[in-house]
Amino acid sequence: MRVIAGEYGGREIRTVEGPGYRPATAKVRQALFSMLEARGVCWPEARVLDLFAGSGSLAVESLSRGAAYACMVEKNPRAVACIKQTLADLRIPQDRARVLSGDLFQ
């Protein structure tokens, strides 16, 4: 899977495979971000919260398009490690992204 647009456009997003994981496809992400931009989202002012982050693709796409900050929450330790590796691969500064490990329902 790859980032669609922005600073990290075309770069790889790592994913975790297994039951219950269905990363947001490029088509879904493109549709979502097109709707947000049509509604006037100002990326430099945006602070993103990606709950049930999975691969973190939605937060990473937001950061790529210029979001100021993204916080991702995921309970699967493998997925958390995968997100952290993607952030490191893309050299996203630590002050722009945070990954939290935990179950949102507890």
C-alpha atoms as a PDB file:
ATOM      1  CA  MET A   1       0.000   0.000   0.000  1.00  0.00           C
ATOM      2  CA  ARG A   2       1.251   3.497  -0.805  1.00  0.00           C
ATOM      3  CA  VAL A   3       0.559   7.083   0.258  1.00  0.00           C
ATOM      4  CA  ILE A   4      -1.617   8.750  -2.394  1.00  0.00           C
ATOM      5  CA  ALA A   5      -0.628  12.407  -2.316  1.00  0.00           C
ATOM      6  CA  GLY A   6       1.399  15.071  -0.597  1.00  0.00           C
ATOM      7  CA  GLU A   7       4.890  15.099   0.854  1.00  0.00           C
ATOM      8  CA  TYR A   8       5.088  11.296   1.172  1.00  0.00           C
ATOM      9  CA  GLY A   9       3.095  10.508  -1.993  1.00  0.00           C
ATOM     10  CA  GLY A  10       4.082   7.211  -3.569  1.00  0.00           C
ATOM     11  CA  ARG A  11       5.956   6.016  -0.474  1.00  0.00           C
ATOM     12  CA  GLU A  12       5.120   2.653   1.108  1.00  0.00           C
ATOM     13  CA  ILE A  13       2.846   2.157   4.118  1.00  0.00           C
ATOM     14  CA  ARG A  14       3.526  -1.106   5.928  1.00  0.00           C
ATOM     15  CA  THR A  15       0.514  -3.254   6.786  1.00  0.00           C
ATOM     16  CA  VAL A  16      -0.333  -6.145   9.080  1.00  0.00           C
ATOM     17  CA  GLU A  17      -2.219  -9.122   7.719  1.00  0.00           C
ATOM     18  CA  GLY A  18      -4.678 -11.223   9.647  1.00  0.00           C
ATOM     19  CA  PRO A  19      -8.298 -11.634  10.662  1.00  0.00           C
ATOM     20  CA  GLY A  20     -10.109  -8.338  11.132  1.00  0.00           C
ATOM     21  CA  TYR A  21      -7.543  -6.236   9.254  1.00  0.00           C
ATOM     22  CA  ARG A  22      -8.702  -4.520   6.101  1.00  0.00           C
ATOM     23  CA  PRO A  23      -6.502  -1.517   5.382  1.00  0.00           C
ATOM     24  CA  ALA A  24      -8.263   1.426   3.764  1.00  0.00           C
ATOM     25  CA  THR A  25      -7.632   0.983   0.046  1.00  0.00           C
ATOM     26  CA  ALA A  26      -6.290   3.793  -2.107  1.00  0.00           C
ATOM     27  CA  LYS A  27      -9.752   4.212  -3.633  1.00  0.00           C
ATOM     28  CA  VAL A  28     -11.393   4.635  -0.203  1.00  0.00           C
ATOM     29  CA  ARG A  29      -8.680   7.014   1.033  1.00  0.00           C
ATOM     30  CA  GLN A  30      -8.914   9.083  -2.154  1.00  0.00           C
ATOM     31  CA  ALA A  31     -12.690   9.381  -1.781  1.00  0.00           C
ATOM     32  CA  LEU A  32     -12.440  10.318   1.914  1.00  0.00           C
ATOM     33  CA  PHE A  33      -9.753  12.949   1.382  1.00  0.00           C
ATOM     34  CA  SER A  34     -11.533  14.386  -1.651  1.00  0.00           C
ATOM     35  CA  MET A  35     -14.658  14.861   0.481  1.00  0.00           C
ATOM     36  CA  LEU A  36     -12.684  16.484   3.298  1.00  0.00           C
ATOM     37  CA  GLU A  37     -10.904  18.851   0.942  1.00  0.00           C
ATOM     38  CA  ALA A  38     -14.184  19.734  -0.807  1.00  0.00           C
ATOM     39  CA  ARG A  39     -15.518  20.744   2.606  1.00  0.00           C
ATOM     40  CA  GLY A  40     -12.585  23.100   3.166  1.00  0.00           C
ATOM     41  CA  VAL A  41     -10.241  21.180   5.451  1.00  0.00           C
ATOM     42  CA  CYS A  42      -7.184  23.334   6.114  1.00  0.00           C
ATOM     43  CA  TRP A  43      -4.429  20.707   6.463  1.00  0.00           C
ATOM     44  CA  PRO A  44      -1.792  22.889   8.173  1.00  0.00           C
ATOM     45  CA  GLU A  45      -4.264  23.495  11.012  1.00  0.00           C
ATOM     46  CA  ALA A  46      -5.554  19.908  11.196  1.00  0.00           C
ATOM     47  CA  ARG A  47      -4.929  17.641  14.170  1.00  0.00           C
ATOM     48  CA  VAL A  48      -5.945  14.071  13.324  1.00  0.00           C
ATOM     49  CA  LEU A  49      -7.139  11.276  15.610  1.00  0.00           C
ATOM     50  CA  ASP A  50      -7.015   7.831  13.968  1.00  0.00           C
ATOM     51  CA  LEU A  51      -8.826   5.399  16.277  1.00  0.00           C
ATOM     52  CA  PHE A  52      -8.584   1.674  15.453  1.00  0.00           C
ATOM     53  CA  ALA A  53      -5.578   2.728  13.361  1.00  0.00           C
ATOM     54  CA  GLY A  54      -4.611  -0.659  11.899  1.00  0.00           C
ATOM     55  CA  SER A  55      -1.870   0.298   9.442  1.00  0.00           C
ATOM     56  CA  GLY A  56      -2.173   4.005  10.287  1.00  0.00           C
ATOM     57  CA  SER A  57      -2.818   4.742   6.610  1.00  0.00           C
ATOM     58  CA  LEU A  58      -5.435   7.431   7.248  1.00  0.00           C
ATOM     59  CA  ALA A  59      -3.213   9.326   9.696  1.00  0.00           C
ATOM     60  CA  VAL A  60      -0.140   8.968   7.473  1.00  0.00           C
ATOM     61  CA  GLU A  61      -2.111  10.222   4.475  1.00  0.00           C
ATOM     62  CA  SER A  62      -3.238  13.225   6.557  1.00  0.00           C
ATOM     63  CA  LEU A  63       0.335  13.982   7.600  1.00  0.00           C
ATOM     64  CA  SER A  64       1.476  13.673   4.006  1.00  0.00           C
ATOM     65  CA  ARG A  65      -1.103  16.260   2.976  1.00  0.00           C
ATOM     66  CA  GLY A  66       0.165  18.657   5.632  1.00  0.00           C
ATOM     67  CA  ALA A  67      -1.741  17.916   8.848  1.00  0.00           C
ATOM     68  CA  ALA A  68       0.044  19.444  11.825  1.00  0.00           C
ATOM     69  CA  TYR A  69      -0.266  16.351  14.047  1.00  0.00           C
ATOM     70  CA  ALA A  70      -1.733  12.848  14.110  1.00  0.00           C
ATOM     71  CA  CYS A  71      -2.427  10.541  17.038  1.00  0.00           C
ATOM     72  CA  MET A  72      -3.083   6.875  16.256  1.00  0.00           C
ATOM     73  CA  VAL A  73      -4.582   4.329  18.659  1.00  0.00           C
ATOM     74  CA  GLU A  74      -4.307   0.588  18.011  1.00  0.00           C
ATOM     75  CA  LYS A  75      -4.570  -2.406  20.358  1.00  0.00           C
ATOM     76  CA  ASN A  76      -2.660  -5.020  18.327  1.00  0.00           C
ATOM     77  CA  PRO A  77       1.046  -4.874  19.294  1.00  0.00           C
ATOM     78  CA  ARG A  78       2.108  -6.098  15.820  1.00  0.00           C
ATOM     79  CA  ALA A  79       0.123  -3.309  14.180  1.00  0.00           C
ATOM     80  CA  VAL A  80       1.558  -0.731  16.596  1.00  0.00           C
ATOM     81  CA  ALA A  81       5.084  -1.866  15.696  1.00  0.00           C
ATOM     82  CA  CYS A  82       4.170  -1.712  12.001  1.00  0.00           C
ATOM     83  CA  ILE A  83       2.874   1.866  12.316  1.00  0.00           C
ATOM     84  CA  LYS A  84       5.993   2.942  14.198  1.00  0.00           C
ATOM     85  CA  GLN A  85       8.173   1.406  11.484  1.00  0.00           C
ATOM     86  CA  THR A  86       6.220   3.242   8.768  1.00  0.00           C
ATOM     87  CA  LEU A  87       6.680   6.540  10.628  1.00  0.00           C
ATOM     88  CA  ALA A  88      10.410   5.842  10.922  1.00  0.00           C
ATOM     89  CA  ASP A  89      10.687   4.813   7.253  1.00  0.00           C
ATOM     90  CA  LEU A  90       9.022   8.061   6.185  1.00  0.00           C
ATOM     91  CA  ARG A  91      11.105  10.069   8.671  1.00  0.00           C
ATOM     92  CA  ILE A  92       8.010  11.711  10.123  1.00  0.00           C
ATOM     93  CA  PRO A  93       9.165  13.832  13.077  1.00  0.00           C
ATOM     94  CA  GLN A  94       8.120  12.560  16.513  1.00  0.00           C
ATOM     95  CA  ASP A  95       6.469  15.886  17.333  1.00  0.00           C
ATOM     96  CA  ARG A  96       4.021  15.363  14.421  1.00  0.00           C
ATOM     97  CA  ALA A  97       2.839  11.818  15.204  1.00  0.00           C
ATOM     98  CA  ARG A  98       2.095   9.676  18.227  1.00  0.00           C
ATOM     99  CA  VAL A  99       1.113   6.021  18.400  1.00  0.00           C
ATOM    100  CA  LEU A 100      -0.758   4.739  21.448  1.00  0.00           C
ATOM    101  CA  SER A 101      -1.239   1.061  22.209  1.00  0.00           C
ATOM    102  CA  GLY A 102      -4.442   0.121  23.962  1.00  0.00           C
ATOM    103  CA  ASP A 103      -8.008  -1.079  23.789  1.00  0.00           C
ATOM    104  CA  LEU A 104     -10.390   1.852  23.350  1.00  0.00           C
ATOM    105  CA  PHE A 105     -13.189  -0.048  25.059  1.00  0.00           C
ATOM    106  CA  GLN A 106     -11.316  -0.426  28.341  1.00  0.00           C
END
